[in-house]
Protein backbone atom coordinates (compact mmCIF):
# COMPACT_ATOMS: atom_id res chain seq x y z
CA MET A 1 67.66 74.92 123.27
CA THR A 2 69.56 75.49 120.05
CA ASN A 3 73.23 75.08 119.34
CA ASP A 4 74.03 77.45 116.47
CA GLY A 5 77.80 77.53 116.98
CA PRO A 6 79.03 74.73 114.68
CA LEU A 7 76.43 75.38 111.99
CA GLU A 8 77.23 79.08 111.78
CA SER A 9 80.95 78.44 111.48
CA GLN A 10 80.35 76.10 108.53
CA GLN A 11 78.62 78.82 106.51
CA PRO A 12 81.23 80.51 104.32
CA ALA A 13 81.00 84.27 104.19
CA PHE A 14 80.78 85.65 100.68
CA GLU A 15 83.78 87.80 99.90
CA PRO A 16 84.44 88.74 96.28
CA ASP A 17 87.91 87.95 95.00
CA PRO A 18 89.64 91.32 94.54
CA ARG A 19 91.71 89.94 91.64
CA LYS A 20 88.63 88.91 89.70
CA PHE A 21 86.98 92.23 90.43
CA ALA A 22 90.06 94.18 89.30
CA ALA A 23 90.42 92.05 86.16
CA ALA A 24 86.76 92.58 85.25
CA GLN A 25 87.00 96.33 85.83
CA PHE A 26 90.21 96.47 83.79
CA GLN A 27 88.55 94.71 80.86
CA ARG A 28 85.43 96.86 81.03
CA ALA A 29 87.53 100.03 81.04
CA ASN A 30 89.11 99.01 77.73
CA LEU A 31 92.57 100.01 78.95
CA THR A 32 95.94 98.74 77.93
CA LEU A 33 98.18 97.31 80.61
CA PRO A 34 100.77 100.08 80.11
CA GLU A 35 98.04 102.73 80.60
CA LEU A 36 96.86 101.11 83.82
CA TRP A 37 100.36 100.52 85.12
CA THR A 38 101.45 104.11 84.40
CA TYR A 39 98.51 105.53 86.34
CA TYR A 40 98.91 102.98 89.16
CA TYR A 41 102.64 103.75 89.44
CA GLY A 42 101.93 107.47 89.37
CA ILE A 43 99.72 107.25 92.46
CA GLY A 44 102.31 105.30 94.43
CA GLY A 45 102.05 101.71 93.21
CA SER A 46 105.27 99.75 93.47
CA ALA A 47 104.58 96.57 91.50
CA ASP A 48 106.08 96.43 88.04
CA GLU A 49 104.01 95.93 84.91
CA LEU A 50 104.74 92.18 84.74
CA VAL A 51 103.57 91.62 88.32
CA LEU A 52 100.45 93.68 87.70
CA ASP A 53 99.67 91.53 84.66
CA ALA A 54 100.21 88.36 86.69
CA TYR A 55 97.91 89.68 89.42
CA LEU A 56 95.15 90.48 86.95
CA ASN A 57 95.50 86.96 85.55
CA GLU A 58 95.25 85.42 89.04
CA ILE A 59 98.81 84.10 89.08
CA VAL A 60 100.23 86.10 91.99
CA GLU A 61 98.97 88.00 95.01
CA LEU A 62 99.72 91.62 95.79
CA PRO A 63 100.09 93.15 99.24
CA PRO A 64 96.84 94.77 100.44
CA LEU A 65 98.14 98.32 99.98
CA GLN A 66 99.05 97.58 96.35
CA VAL A 67 95.63 96.02 95.74
CA ASP A 68 94.00 99.17 97.11
CA LEU A 69 96.16 101.35 94.86
CA LEU A 70 95.31 99.24 91.84
CA HIS A 71 91.59 99.46 92.55
CA THR A 72 91.95 103.21 93.08
CA ALA A 73 93.75 103.56 89.76
CA ILE A 74 91.04 101.66 87.89
CA ARG A 75 88.27 103.60 89.62
CA GLU A 76 89.90 106.98 88.95
CA ILE A 77 90.70 106.19 85.32
CA THR A 78 87.17 105.04 84.60
CA ALA A 79 85.71 108.06 86.43
CA ASP A 80 87.78 110.36 84.20
CA GLY A 81 86.38 108.64 81.14
CA THR A 82 89.83 107.91 79.72
């Protein structure tokens, strides 16, 4: 008879930090913060440029919808090749 309950709950699930992922994508895209913020704001983002900068530098959190919009902005900008 095995008791897997406590052992399984001690194993942390791997979940990438969305801030680190966004920051890495931002750096790889070779964008300026104003370029990213303008696109992000244009697709419905509501955080200002200062908050976006703080998020990318792991100082503040953003609401999940804003994180999704930021990731969408980065993905769309890099897909366009701009």
